[in-house]
Amino acid sequence: MSDVPWLSLLVLVPLVGAVAVPFLRGSAALTKQVGLGVSLATLALAVAVALQYDVDGGMQLSETHDWISAFGVHYALGVDGLGLLLVLLTAVLVPVVLLASWRDDEGYLDGGAQGSPAAFVAWTLALEALSLAVFLATDVFLFYVVFEATLIPAYFLIGGFGRVGRSAAAVKFLMFQLAGGLVLLGGVIGLYVVSAQQGTPSYLLSDLTELDMSTSAGRWLFAAFFIAFAIKAPLFPVHTWLADTTEKATPGTAVLLVCVLDKIGTFGMLRFCLGLFPEASQWATPLVVVLALVSIVYGALVAIGQDDLMRLIGLTSLSHFGFITLGIFVFSSQGGTGSILYMVNHGLGTAALFLVAGYVVARRGTASIREMGGAEKVTPVLAGLFLVAGLAALGLPGLSTFVSEMLVIIAAFDYAWYVGAVAVTGIVLAAIYALWMYQRTMTGPTVEPVPGTVRESRDLTTRELVAVAPLFVGLVLFGFYPMPLMEAADPYVGDLLSQVGVTDDPPEVGADAHSDAGSDSDTAEEGEN
């Protein structure tokens, strides 16, 4: 245990920033600068945590303190490979969003009234703090509290900023999430009952993994946790809030929801569904695989037919979350590692697509694809980045999404050839919606923008380029060199599969692969001698 409470500081810094920002007396620019500074300080802390992390795996930098002793509740934080990658993703995306959303308070389509810049910054930092707490919590009750608390800033970000109709989208989002949270609460209470029956009640993950749980209890509790996480991710058929939310929210809010908040769903499937209910997870696998495949194909098909650019991008994430869930529930090292990499790479790629699409929408004065066209002649840099982000969505080799997608596809074929065959159709459909989206918005004759709505017709500004540059650097860097991500994910996946009772060879990484190959050949030569 570290003497410095690094993880508590990581959560506390953005939380204090969220509370302090509304009390600032100054211009909107000052508020934005302070918010950006707080988010960069949080990123620096996340990097410090990463530098102290031992890639050999296990829960590290743990902090455990009694909270509600009578119910076995603790304030407990810890970081492992899965949590570390999602913490870093969150810490990177928040300053990107704040910088990319710098001028959103000037109005975002349809003349809708916007909340104050201070409110946007404060809610964004609050969502960051609570999301980090979710990824670091090692007590189930603490996880549930911050899991539900994330809905507060998310609701106000959706309802207070964006396009006409955002209030209805915010209410729909909240109703779905509260329903999932209510089901999850039943599972949390059930865990308390099971642990109390076997001695001293505890919500610590380290204690809960040692419970001798009956088959029926495990399956009922798994169902409660999985339903909540399926809504959060989301998966078909509890996905309908997703498209409405991304259509009405600002691009920055859409990034926070889809690339950070929704990751809690797939994170929970790994951490709690597989970690606490291994037998029930394997029992439910056939159904979950079917839901994942339907999400992959249905999400891509529906995206193809959309006219609203932001709604289209939101629906592509339904397909992507289907891939992530499929990788989790095929129970292999390739699938598990692929799903974790997919979470990170989807966060980078989809964030880039949302933000660049937001730049397009702001310039055209509409999100309707049929009213766009020919933009590449006027804004070639914007068009180029939009094309790269679209290619990342379809998993182009050389971009980071390709690595994770291929690992999941390989694992799907290993699970069953027909599962892999259906999953591959998602890649084909992704090529259709991504390339057609680019063709309809960027090529062909230039379509005149909606009168009175365009503030600028020039190419990307320096601020806009700087905001999205880290995302594109990550897409290219991890496309050619995914080893840092795999080195963090592999030990976690290996430990998780051992706990579930599944053993197989993890994907080989870097020098380890060559040394393993060398040792295998040496062994073979010794055998021949």
Protein backbone atom coordinates (compact mmCIF):
# COMPACT_ATOMS: atom_id res chain seq x y z
CA MET A 1 0.00 0.00 0.00
CA SER A 2 1.41 3.40 -1.05
CA ASP A 3 2.00 6.10 1.57
CA VAL A 4 0.55 8.69 -0.82
CA PRO A 5 -3.19 8.17 -1.54
CA TRP A 6 -2.68 8.54 -5.28
CA LEU A 7 -6.07 7.15 -6.25
CA SER A 8 -7.98 9.35 -3.82
CA LEU A 9 -6.10 12.37 -5.15
CA LEU A 10 -6.97 11.31 -8.69
CA VAL A 11 -10.67 11.43 -7.83
CA LEU A 12 -10.47 14.45 -5.54
CA VAL A 13 -8.78 16.90 -7.93
CA PRO A 14 -11.53 17.02 -10.59
CA LEU A 15 -14.20 16.83 -7.88
CA VAL A 16 -12.80 19.90 -6.12
CA GLY A 17 -12.53 21.61 -9.49
CA ALA A 18 -16.18 20.85 -10.21
CA VAL A 19 -17.23 22.42 -6.91
CA ALA A 20 -14.95 25.46 -7.25
CA VAL A 21 -15.63 26.45 -10.87
CA PRO A 22 -19.18 27.83 -10.34
CA PHE A 23 -17.84 30.21 -7.66
CA LEU A 24 -15.26 31.79 -9.96
CA ARG A 25 -15.83 35.45 -10.63
CA GLY A 26 -14.60 36.32 -14.08
CA SER A 27 -15.14 35.89 -17.78
CA ALA A 28 -16.26 32.71 -19.51
CA ALA A 29 -12.71 32.37 -20.83
CA LEU A 30 -11.31 32.27 -17.28
CA THR A 31 -13.79 29.54 -16.31
CA LYS A 32 -12.77 27.46 -19.31
CA GLN A 33 -9.07 27.97 -18.60
CA VAL A 34 -9.44 26.88 -14.99
CA GLY A 35 -11.46 23.82 -16.02
CA LEU A 36 -8.85 22.88 -18.63
CA GLY A 37 -6.08 23.34 -16.06
CA VAL A 38 -7.85 21.07 -13.56
CA SER A 39 -8.35 18.40 -16.22
CA LEU A 40 -4.67 18.58 -17.20
CA ALA A 41 -3.68 18.25 -13.54
CA THR A 42 -5.89 15.14 -13.36
CA LEU A 43 -4.17 13.77 -16.45
CA ALA A 44 -0.78 14.37 -14.82
CA LEU A 45 -1.92 12.41 -11.74
CA ALA A 46 -3.17 9.58 -13.96
CA VAL A 47 0.22 9.43 -15.67
CA ALA A 48 1.90 9.36 -12.25
CA VAL A 49 -0.30 6.41 -11.26
CA ALA A 50 0.57 4.65 -14.52
CA LEU A 51 4.31 5.13 -13.93
CA GLN A 52 4.01 3.43 -10.55
CA TYR A 53 1.95 0.53 -11.88
CA ASP A 54 3.63 -2.86 -12.19
CA VAL A 55 2.51 -4.44 -15.46
CA ASP A 56 2.83 -7.92 -13.97
CA GLY A 57 -0.74 -7.43 -12.80
CA GLY A 58 -2.77 -7.53 -9.64
CA MET A 59 -4.60 -4.83 -7.70
CA GLN A 60 -2.14 -2.08 -6.78
CA LEU A 61 -1.95 1.27 -4.93
CA SER A 62 -4.82 -0.01 -2.80
CA GLU A 63 -6.58 2.16 -0.22
CA THR A 64 -9.02 0.55 2.22
CA HIS A 65 -10.85 2.27 5.09
CA ASP A 66 -13.95 1.31 7.05
CA TRP A 67 -17.03 3.22 5.97
CA ILE A 68 -20.22 1.55 7.24
CA SER A 69 -18.91 -1.28 9.43
CA ALA A 70 -22.32 -2.75 10.25
CA PHE A 71 -22.89 -3.58 6.58
CA GLY A 72 -19.31 -4.44 5.69
CA VAL A 73 -18.95 -1.35 3.50
CA HIS A 74 -15.50 0.13 2.88
CA TYR A 75 -14.02 3.09 1.12
CA ALA A 76 -11.73 0.96 -1.01
CA LEU A 77 -9.84 1.90 -4.15
CA GLY A 78 -7.35 -0.02 -6.25
CA VAL A 79 -6.06 -0.16 -9.80
CA ASP A 80 -5.31 -3.11 -12.07
CA GLY A 81 -4.64 -3.36 -15.81
CA LEU A 82 -8.29 -2.91 -16.78
CA GLY A 83 -8.86 0.03 -14.46
CA LEU A 84 -5.57 1.70 -15.40
CA LEU A 85 -6.36 1.78 -19.12
CA LEU A 86 -9.83 3.22 -18.56
CA VAL A 87 -8.52 5.77 -16.06
CA LEU A 88 -5.97 6.96 -18.62
CA LEU A 89 -8.62 7.04 -21.36
CA THR A 90 -10.90 9.16 -19.17
CA ALA A 91 -8.09 11.50 -18.13
CA VAL A 92 -7.10 12.06 -21.78
CA LEU A 93 -10.62 12.61 -23.13
CA VAL A 94 -11.79 15.24 -20.63
CA PRO A 95 -9.23 17.97 -21.54
CA VAL A 96 -9.77 17.10 -25.20
CA VAL A 97 -13.52 17.64 -24.78
CA LEU A 98 -13.09 20.90 -22.87
CA LEU A 99 -10.76 22.31 -25.51
CA ALA A 100 -12.87 21.10 -28.43
CA SER A 101 -16.03 22.55 -26.83
CA TRP A 102 -14.46 25.97 -26.22
CA ARG A 103 -16.99 27.82 -28.39
CA ASP A 104 -20.06 25.67 -27.83
CA ASP A 105 -21.58 28.31 -25.56
CA GLU A 106 -22.10 30.48 -28.64
CA GLY A 107 -24.97 28.18 -29.60
CA TYR A 108 -25.21 24.71 -31.08
CA LEU A 109 -27.79 24.40 -33.90
CA ASP A 110 -31.49 25.17 -33.99
CA GLY A 111 -30.99 28.31 -31.92
CA GLY A 112 -31.38 26.36 -28.69
CA ALA A 113 -30.51 28.18 -25.49
CA GLN A 114 -27.34 26.95 -23.84
CA GLY A 115 -26.31 26.67 -20.21
CA SER A 116 -23.44 28.74 -18.90
CA PRO A 117 -19.81 27.78 -19.63
CA ALA A 118 -19.22 27.42 -15.88
CA ALA A 119 -22.01 24.86 -15.64
CA PHE A 120 -20.63 22.84 -18.56
CA VAL A 121 -17.12 22.80 -17.12
CA ALA A 122 -18.34 21.94 -13.62
CA TRP A 123 -20.56 19.06 -14.75
CA THR A 124 -17.80 17.74 -17.00
CA LEU A 125 -15.28 17.67 -14.15
CA ALA A 126 -17.87 16.08 -11.86
CA LEU A 127 -18.52 13.35 -14.40
CA GLU A 128 -14.79 12.77 -14.73
CA ALA A 129 -14.33 12.44 -10.96
CA LEU A 130 -17.21 10.01 -10.55
CA SER A 131 -16.18 7.94 -13.58
CA LEU A 132 -12.66 7.62 -12.21
CA ALA A 133 -14.11 6.49 -8.88
CA VAL A 134 -16.15 3.83 -10.70
CA PHE A 135 -13.05 2.42 -12.41
CA LEU A 136 -11.06 2.41 -9.15
CA ALA A 137 -13.68 1.15 -6.66
CA THR A 138 -12.90 -2.24 -5.12
CA ASP A 139 -15.94 -2.26 -2.83
CA VAL A 140 -19.23 -3.17 -4.55
CA PHE A 141 -21.32 -0.78 -2.46
CA LEU A 142 -18.96 2.11 -3.19
CA PHE A 143 -19.08 1.14 -6.86
CA TYR A 144 -22.88 1.24 -6.80
CA VAL A 145 -22.96 4.67 -5.16
CA VAL A 146 -20.66 6.31 -7.72
CA PHE A 147 -22.24 4.27 -10.54
CA GLU A 148 -25.56 5.95 -9.79
CA ALA A 149 -24.00 9.33 -9.02
CA THR A 150 -22.60 9.58 -12.57
CA LEU A 151 -26.18 10.04 -13.78
CA ILE A 152 -26.44 13.49 -12.15
CA PRO A 153 -23.79 15.32 -14.20
CA ALA A 154 -24.67 13.28 -17.29
CA TYR A 155 -28.34 14.30 -17.06
CA PHE A 156 -27.51 18.01 -16.76
CA LEU A 157 -24.95 17.86 -19.56
CA ILE A 158 -27.54 16.37 -21.91
CA GLY A 159 -30.49 18.51 -20.82
CA GLY A 160 -28.65 21.81 -20.48
CA PHE A 161 -26.52 21.88 -23.63
CA GLY A 162 -27.23 20.93 -27.21
CA ARG A 163 -30.07 20.95 -29.70
CA VAL A 164 -33.80 21.43 -29.43
CA GLY A 165 -35.32 18.27 -27.96
CA ARG A 166 -32.43 17.67 -25.59
CA SER A 167 -34.69 17.77 -22.52
CA ALA A 168 -36.71 14.80 -23.74
CA ALA A 169 -33.49 12.95 -24.61
CA ALA A 170 -32.13 13.64 -21.12
CA VAL A 171 -35.29 12.29 -19.47
CA LYS A 172 -35.21 9.15 -21.65
CA PHE A 173 -31.56 8.62 -20.77
CA LEU A 174 -32.29 9.03 -17.08
CA MET A 175 -35.27 6.65 -17.08
CA PHE A 176 -33.28 3.85 -18.72
CA GLN A 177 -30.31 4.35 -16.41
CA LEU A 178 -32.43 4.54 -13.26
CA ALA A 179 -34.18 1.31 -14.25
CA GLY A 180 -30.81 -0.38 -14.64
CA GLY A 181 -29.62 1.06 -11.34
CA LEU A 182 -32.70 -0.26 -9.57
CA VAL A 183 -32.02 -3.76 -10.85
CA LEU A 184 -28.38 -3.41 -9.83
CA LEU A 185 -29.44 -2.37 -6.33
CA GLY A 186 -31.28 -5.69 -6.01
CA GLY A 187 -28.07 -7.48 -6.91
CA VAL A 188 -26.04 -5.44 -4.42
CA ILE A 189 -28.51 -6.28 -1.65
CA GLY A 190 -28.39 -9.94 -2.68
CA LEU A 191 -24.61 -9.94 -2.33
CA TYR A 192 -24.94 -8.63 1.20
CA VAL A 193 -27.40 -11.42 2.09
CA VAL A 194 -25.13 -14.12 0.67
CA SER A 195 -22.02 -12.77 2.41
CA ALA A 196 -23.87 -12.31 5.73
CA GLN A 197 -25.07 -15.91 5.64
CA GLN A 198 -21.45 -17.11 5.41
CA GLY A 199 -20.04 -15.01 8.24
CA THR A 200 -19.16 -11.36 8.53
CA PRO A 201 -20.79 -9.36 5.70
CA SER A 202 -18.42 -7.59 3.33
CA TYR A 203 -18.63 -5.79 0.02
CA LEU A 204 -14.90 -5.95 -0.70
CA LEU A 205 -14.16 -7.67 -4.00
CA SER A 206 -11.36 -9.65 -2.38
CA ASP A 207 -13.87 -11.11 0.09
CA LEU A 208 -16.73 -11.63 -2.36
CA THR A 209 -14.60 -13.69 -4.76
CA GLU A 210 -14.10 -16.20 -1.93
CA LEU A 211 -17.82 -16.74 -1.30
CA ASP A 212 -19.25 -20.21 -1.73
CA MET A 213 -22.31 -19.16 -3.71
CA SER A 214 -25.07 -21.55 -4.74
CA THR A 215 -25.77 -21.97 -8.44
CA SER A 216 -29.22 -20.41 -8.30
CA ALA A 217 -28.07 -17.43 -6.22
CA GLY A 218 -25.14 -16.81 -8.54
CA ARG A 219 -27.34 -16.86 -11.61
CA TRP A 220 -29.95 -14.50 -10.17
CA LEU A 221 -27.28 -12.07 -9.03
CA PHE A 222 -25.50 -12.30 -12.38
CA ALA A 223 -28.77 -11.42 -14.13
CA ALA A 224 -29.21 -8.30 -11.98
CA PHE A 225 -25.68 -7.07 -12.63
CA PHE A 226 -25.71 -7.95 -16.33
CA ILE A 227 -29.02 -6.19 -17.04
CA ALA A 228 -27.73 -2.98 -15.46
CA PHE A 229 -24.49 -3.16 -17.42
CA ALA A 230 -26.28 -4.04 -20.69
CA ILE A 231 -28.35 -0.85 -20.34
CA LYS A 232 -25.27 1.19 -19.52
CA ALA A 233 -23.15 -0.16 -22.41
CA PRO A 234 -25.70 -0.42 -24.20
CA LEU A 235 -26.71 -3.70 -25.87
CA PHE A 236 -29.74 -4.58 -27.97
CA PRO A 237 -32.64 -4.35 -27.05
CA VAL A 238 -32.06 -1.79 -24.24
CA HIS A 239 -30.18 0.64 -26.47
CA THR A 240 -32.83 3.07 -27.69
CA TRP A 241 -31.70 5.92 -25.42
CA LEU A 242 -28.28 6.00 -27.12
CA ALA A 243 -29.18 7.46 -30.53
CA ASP A 244 -31.55 10.08 -29.10
CA THR A 245 -28.88 11.23 -26.66
CA THR A 246 -26.05 11.56 -29.17
CA GLU A 247 -28.36 13.32 -31.63
CA LYS A 248 -29.49 16.04 -29.21
CA ALA A 249 -26.38 16.51 -27.04
CA THR A 250 -23.33 18.56 -28.00
CA PRO A 251 -20.41 16.63 -29.54
CA GLY A 252 -18.40 17.03 -26.32
CA THR A 253 -21.21 15.62 -24.21
CA ALA A 254 -21.64 12.74 -26.68
CA VAL A 255 -17.95 11.90 -26.25
CA LEU A 256 -18.26 11.86 -22.46
CA LEU A 257 -21.32 9.62 -22.60
CA VAL A 258 -20.26 7.10 -25.25
CA CYS A 259 -16.50 7.02 -24.74
CA VAL A 260 -16.37 7.28 -20.93
CA LEU A 261 -19.71 6.65 -19.23
CA ASP A 262 -20.82 3.76 -21.45
CA LYS A 263 -17.50 1.98 -20.82
CA ILE A 264 -18.73 1.42 -17.27
CA GLY A 265 -21.09 -1.19 -18.71
CA THR A 266 -18.44 -3.37 -20.32
CA PHE A 267 -16.06 -2.67 -17.43
CA GLY A 268 -18.71 -4.02 -15.06
CA MET A 269 -19.19 -7.14 -17.15
CA LEU A 270 -15.51 -7.96 -16.75
CA ARG A 271 -15.04 -6.85 -13.16
CA PHE A 272 -18.29 -8.11 -11.60
CA CYS A 273 -20.15 -10.50 -13.94
CA LEU A 274 -17.12 -12.65 -14.74
CA GLY A 275 -15.21 -11.83 -11.56
CA LEU A 276 -17.97 -12.58 -9.04
CA PHE A 277 -20.24 -15.00 -10.94
CA PRO A 278 -18.01 -17.15 -13.16
CA GLU A 279 -20.36 -20.14 -13.33
CA ALA A 280 -23.37 -17.96 -14.12
CA SER A 281 -21.38 -16.07 -16.76
CA GLN A 282 -20.59 -19.28 -18.60
CA TRP A 283 -24.18 -20.44 -18.20
CA ALA A 284 -25.47 -17.21 -19.78
CA THR A 285 -22.88 -17.09 -22.56
CA PRO A 286 -25.09 -18.46 -25.40
CA LEU A 287 -27.71 -15.76 -24.80
CA VAL A 288 -25.15 -13.00 -24.35
CA VAL A 289 -23.35 -14.01 -27.56
CA VAL A 290 -26.63 -13.81 -29.47
CA LEU A 291 -27.36 -10.34 -28.03
CA ALA A 292 -23.84 -9.22 -28.94
CA LEU A 293 -24.19 -10.48 -32.52
CA VAL A 294 -27.59 -8.81 -32.92
CA SER A 295 -26.09 -5.56 -31.60
CA ILE A 296 -23.20 -5.79 -34.07
CA VAL A 297 -25.36 -6.34 -37.14
CA TYR A 298 -28.42 -4.32 -36.14
CA GLY A 299 -26.40 -1.30 -35.02
CA ALA A 300 -24.49 -1.19 -38.30
CA LEU A 301 -27.60 -1.69 -40.45
CA VAL A 302 -29.56 1.03 -38.69
CA ALA A 303 -26.60 3.41 -38.87
CA ILE A 304 -26.48 3.06 -42.65
CA GLY A 305 -29.99 4.50 -43.02
CA GLN A 306 -29.54 7.59 -40.83
CA ASP A 307 -29.66 11.16 -42.12
CA ASP A 308 -28.60 12.87 -38.89
CA LEU A 309 -24.81 12.73 -38.68
CA MET A 310 -24.58 12.65 -34.88
CA ARG A 311 -27.31 10.02 -34.59
CA LEU A 312 -25.48 7.88 -37.15
CA ILE A 313 -22.26 7.98 -35.15
CA GLY A 314 -24.12 7.11 -31.96
CA LEU A 315 -25.64 4.01 -33.56
CA THR A 316 -22.24 2.80 -34.75
CA SER A 317 -21.32 2.48 -31.07
CA LEU A 318 -24.13 -0.04 -30.60
CA SER A 319 -22.30 -2.23 -33.10
CA HIS A 320 -18.93 -1.60 -31.43
CA PHE A 321 -20.21 -2.44 -27.96
CA GLY A 322 -21.52 -5.68 -29.44
CA PHE A 323 -17.94 -6.52 -30.44
CA ILE A 324 -16.66 -5.67 -26.96
CA THR A 325 -19.29 -7.82 -25.25
CA LEU A 326 -18.63 -10.68 -27.66
CA GLY A 327 -14.92 -10.58 -26.82
CA ILE A 328 -15.69 -10.70 -23.10
CA PHE A 329 -18.05 -13.67 -23.22
CA VAL A 330 -16.15 -16.01 -25.55
CA PHE A 331 -13.84 -16.71 -22.58
CA SER A 332 -10.44 -16.63 -24.22
CA SER A 333 -7.29 -14.58 -23.79
CA GLN A 334 -7.58 -13.19 -27.31
CA GLY A 335 -11.19 -12.20 -26.72
CA GLY A 336 -10.59 -10.68 -23.30
CA THR A 337 -7.53 -8.72 -24.37
CA GLY A 338 -9.28 -7.69 -27.58
CA SER A 339 -12.30 -6.41 -25.69
CA ILE A 340 -10.17 -4.30 -23.33
CA LEU A 341 -8.18 -2.88 -26.24
CA TYR A 342 -11.47 -2.28 -28.05
CA MET A 343 -12.72 -0.19 -25.12
CA VAL A 344 -9.65 2.04 -25.31
CA ASN A 345 -9.48 2.24 -29.09
CA HIS A 346 -13.22 2.81 -29.45
CA GLY A 347 -12.85 5.67 -26.98
CA LEU A 348 -10.14 7.28 -29.12
CA GLY A 349 -11.74 6.63 -32.51
CA THR A 350 -15.33 7.49 -31.66
CA ALA A 351 -14.28 10.59 -29.74
CA ALA A 352 -12.37 11.76 -32.81
CA LEU A 353 -15.38 11.03 -35.04
CA PHE A 354 -17.84 12.86 -32.78
CA LEU A 355 -15.65 15.94 -32.38
CA VAL A 356 -14.69 16.25 -36.04
CA ALA A 357 -18.32 15.69 -37.02
CA GLY A 358 -19.21 18.43 -34.56
CA TYR A 359 -16.85 20.76 -36.40
CA VAL A 360 -18.60 19.85 -39.65
CA VAL A 361 -22.05 20.44 -38.19
CA ALA A 362 -21.04 23.80 -36.71
CA ARG A 363 -19.80 24.98 -40.10
CA ARG A 364 -22.73 23.69 -42.14
CA GLY A 365 -25.40 24.84 -39.68
CA THR A 366 -27.15 21.46 -39.82
CA ALA A 367 -26.60 17.83 -38.86
CA SER A 368 -28.64 16.59 -41.84
CA ILE A 369 -26.40 14.64 -44.19
CA ARG A 370 -28.61 15.32 -47.19
CA GLU A 371 -27.93 19.03 -46.76
CA MET A 372 -24.17 18.55 -46.84
CA GLY A 373 -21.73 17.81 -49.62
CA GLY A 374 -18.53 19.05 -51.22
CA ALA A 375 -16.98 20.15 -47.93
CA GLU A 376 -13.56 18.68 -48.81
CA LYS A 377 -13.11 21.44 -51.41
CA VAL A 378 -13.55 24.16 -48.80
CA THR A 379 -12.09 22.49 -45.68
CA PRO A 380 -9.55 19.86 -46.84
CA VAL A 381 -7.90 19.34 -43.43
CA LEU A 382 -11.26 18.87 -41.75
CA ALA A 383 -12.28 16.44 -44.49
CA GLY A 384 -9.03 14.50 -44.13
CA LEU A 385 -9.43 14.07 -40.38
CA PHE A 386 -13.06 13.10 -40.85
CA LEU A 387 -11.98 10.40 -43.31
CA VAL A 388 -9.33 9.03 -40.92
CA ALA A 389 -11.84 8.93 -38.05
CA GLY A 390 -14.33 7.14 -40.30
CA LEU A 391 -11.69 4.61 -41.35
CA ALA A 392 -10.93 3.99 -37.69
CA ALA A 393 -14.61 3.17 -37.18
CA LEU A 394 -14.40 0.45 -39.82
CA GLY A 395 -11.14 -0.96 -38.43
CA LEU A 396 -8.66 -0.04 -41.15
CA PRO A 397 -5.28 -1.83 -40.78
CA GLY A 398 -2.71 0.59 -39.42
CA LEU A 399 -5.17 2.21 -37.04
CA SER A 400 -5.57 1.01 -33.46
CA THR A 401 -9.14 -0.23 -33.84
CA PHE A 402 -7.96 -2.89 -36.29
CA VAL A 403 -5.84 -4.67 -33.66
CA SER A 404 -8.64 -4.99 -31.13
CA GLU A 405 -11.22 -5.93 -33.75
CA MET A 406 -9.05 -8.69 -35.14
CA LEU A 407 -8.42 -10.16 -31.69
CA VAL A 408 -12.16 -10.31 -31.04
CA ILE A 409 -12.87 -11.81 -34.48
CA ILE A 410 -10.20 -14.51 -33.98
CA ALA A 411 -11.65 -15.34 -30.57
CA ALA A 412 -15.16 -15.48 -32.07
CA PHE A 413 -14.07 -18.00 -34.71
CA ASP A 414 -12.33 -20.06 -32.02
CA TYR A 415 -15.58 -20.07 -30.06
CA ALA A 416 -17.70 -21.16 -33.06
CA TRP A 417 -17.17 -20.61 -36.77
CA TYR A 418 -20.69 -19.31 -37.31
CA VAL A 419 -20.30 -16.76 -34.51
CA GLY A 420 -17.18 -15.42 -36.20
CA ALA A 421 -18.93 -15.42 -39.58
CA VAL A 422 -21.78 -13.27 -38.28
CA ALA A 423 -19.38 -10.93 -36.48
CA VAL A 424 -17.39 -10.39 -39.69
CA THR A 425 -20.50 -8.99 -41.37
CA GLY A 426 -20.26 -6.11 -38.90
CA ILE A 427 -16.92 -5.14 -40.46
CA VAL A 428 -18.43 -5.20 -43.96
CA LEU A 429 -21.38 -3.09 -42.85
CA ALA A 430 -19.02 -0.68 -41.07
CA ALA A 431 -17.22 -0.08 -44.35
CA ILE A 432 -20.56 0.81 -45.94
CA TYR A 433 -21.71 3.32 -43.33
CA ALA A 434 -18.27 4.90 -42.85
CA LEU A 435 -17.45 5.40 -46.53
CA TRP A 436 -21.00 6.40 -47.46
CA MET A 437 -21.02 8.90 -44.60
CA TYR A 438 -17.83 10.48 -45.94
CA GLN A 439 -19.04 10.42 -49.54
CA ARG A 440 -22.35 12.15 -48.77
CA THR A 441 -20.84 14.84 -46.53
CA MET A 442 -17.49 15.63 -48.12
CA THR A 443 -17.51 14.77 -51.85
CA GLY A 444 -19.57 15.89 -54.83
CA PRO A 445 -20.78 19.39 -55.60
CA THR A 446 -20.62 21.92 -52.79
CA VAL A 447 -23.98 22.35 -51.10
CA GLU A 448 -24.76 25.83 -49.86
CA PRO A 449 -25.09 25.93 -46.05
CA VAL A 450 -28.32 26.68 -44.24
CA PRO A 451 -28.80 30.47 -44.45
CA GLY A 452 -28.00 32.43 -41.33
CA THR A 453 -26.51 29.53 -39.37
CA VAL A 454 -22.88 29.29 -40.45
CA ARG A 455 -20.42 31.20 -38.31
CA GLU A 456 -17.34 30.31 -40.33
CA SER A 457 -16.49 28.45 -43.53
CA ARG A 458 -12.75 28.22 -43.02
CA ASP A 459 -10.77 25.08 -42.28
CA LEU A 460 -9.87 23.94 -38.78
CA THR A 461 -8.42 26.48 -36.40
CA THR A 462 -5.26 25.88 -34.39
CA ARG A 463 -7.32 25.27 -31.23
CA GLU A 464 -9.50 22.71 -32.99
CA LEU A 465 -6.48 20.89 -34.38
CA VAL A 466 -4.71 20.83 -31.02
CA ALA A 467 -7.87 19.50 -29.35
CA VAL A 468 -8.22 16.41 -31.55
CA ALA A 469 -4.53 15.81 -32.28
CA PRO A 470 -3.97 13.46 -29.27
CA LEU A 471 -6.79 11.22 -30.48
CA PHE A 472 -5.33 10.79 -33.96
CA VAL A 473 -1.83 10.29 -32.56
CA GLY A 474 -3.22 7.50 -30.38
CA LEU A 475 -5.06 5.89 -33.29
CA VAL A 476 -1.89 5.71 -35.36
CA LEU A 477 0.55 4.95 -32.53
CA PHE A 478 -1.44 2.05 -31.08
CA GLY A 479 -2.24 0.85 -34.59
CA PHE A 480 1.44 0.15 -35.23
CA TYR A 481 2.56 -0.41 -31.64
CA PRO A 482 -0.23 -1.82 -29.44
CA MET A 483 2.22 -3.41 -26.99
CA PRO A 484 1.71 -0.96 -24.09
CA LEU A 485 -2.02 -1.65 -24.10
CA MET A 486 -1.55 -5.39 -24.38
CA GLU A 487 1.06 -5.49 -21.62
CA ALA A 488 -1.42 -3.87 -19.25
CA ALA A 489 -4.40 -5.97 -20.35
CA ASP A 490 -2.86 -9.45 -20.65
CA PRO A 491 -2.08 -10.10 -16.95
CA TYR A 492 -5.56 -8.95 -15.92
CA VAL A 493 -7.22 -11.20 -18.49
CA GLY A 494 -5.04 -14.14 -17.48
CA ASP A 495 -5.93 -13.72 -13.80
CA LEU A 496 -9.63 -13.33 -14.62
CA LEU A 497 -9.76 -16.44 -16.81
CA SER A 498 -7.93 -18.45 -14.15
CA GLN A 499 -10.57 -17.36 -11.66
CA VAL A 500 -13.29 -18.39 -14.09
CA GLY A 501 -11.57 -21.74 -14.66
CA VAL A 502 -10.47 -21.18 -18.26
CA THR A 503 -6.86 -21.52 -19.34
CA ASP A 504 -5.39 -20.73 -22.74
CA ASP A 505 -2.37 -18.96 -24.19
CA PRO A 506 -2.53 -15.17 -24.14
CA PRO A 507 -1.62 -13.12 -27.23
CA GLU A 508 2.16 -12.90 -27.44
CA VAL A 509 3.61 -9.45 -26.87
CA GLY A 510 6.88 -8.00 -28.17
CA ALA A 511 10.12 -9.52 -26.97
CA ASP A 512 8.29 -12.05 -24.84
CA ALA A 513 6.96 -13.66 -27.98
CA HIS A 514 10.47 -14.06 -29.42
CA SER A 515 11.93 -15.38 -26.18
CA ASP A 516 9.05 -17.84 -25.84
CA ALA A 517 9.59 -18.98 -29.40
CA GLY A 518 13.30 -19.32 -28.72
CA SER A 519 12.77 -21.34 -25.57
CA ASP A 520 10.30 -23.58 -27.40
CA SER A 521 12.82 -24.28 -30.13
CA ASP A 522 15.56 -24.91 -27.56
CA THR A 523 13.29 -27.38 -25.80
CA ALA A 524 12.57 -29.10 -29.08
CA GLU A 525 16.30 -29.36 -29.89
CA GLU A 526 17.02 -30.79 -26.44
CA GLY A 527 14.28 -33.34 -26.99
CA GLU A 528 15.79 -34.37 -30.31
CA ASN A 529 19.23 -34.75 -28.72
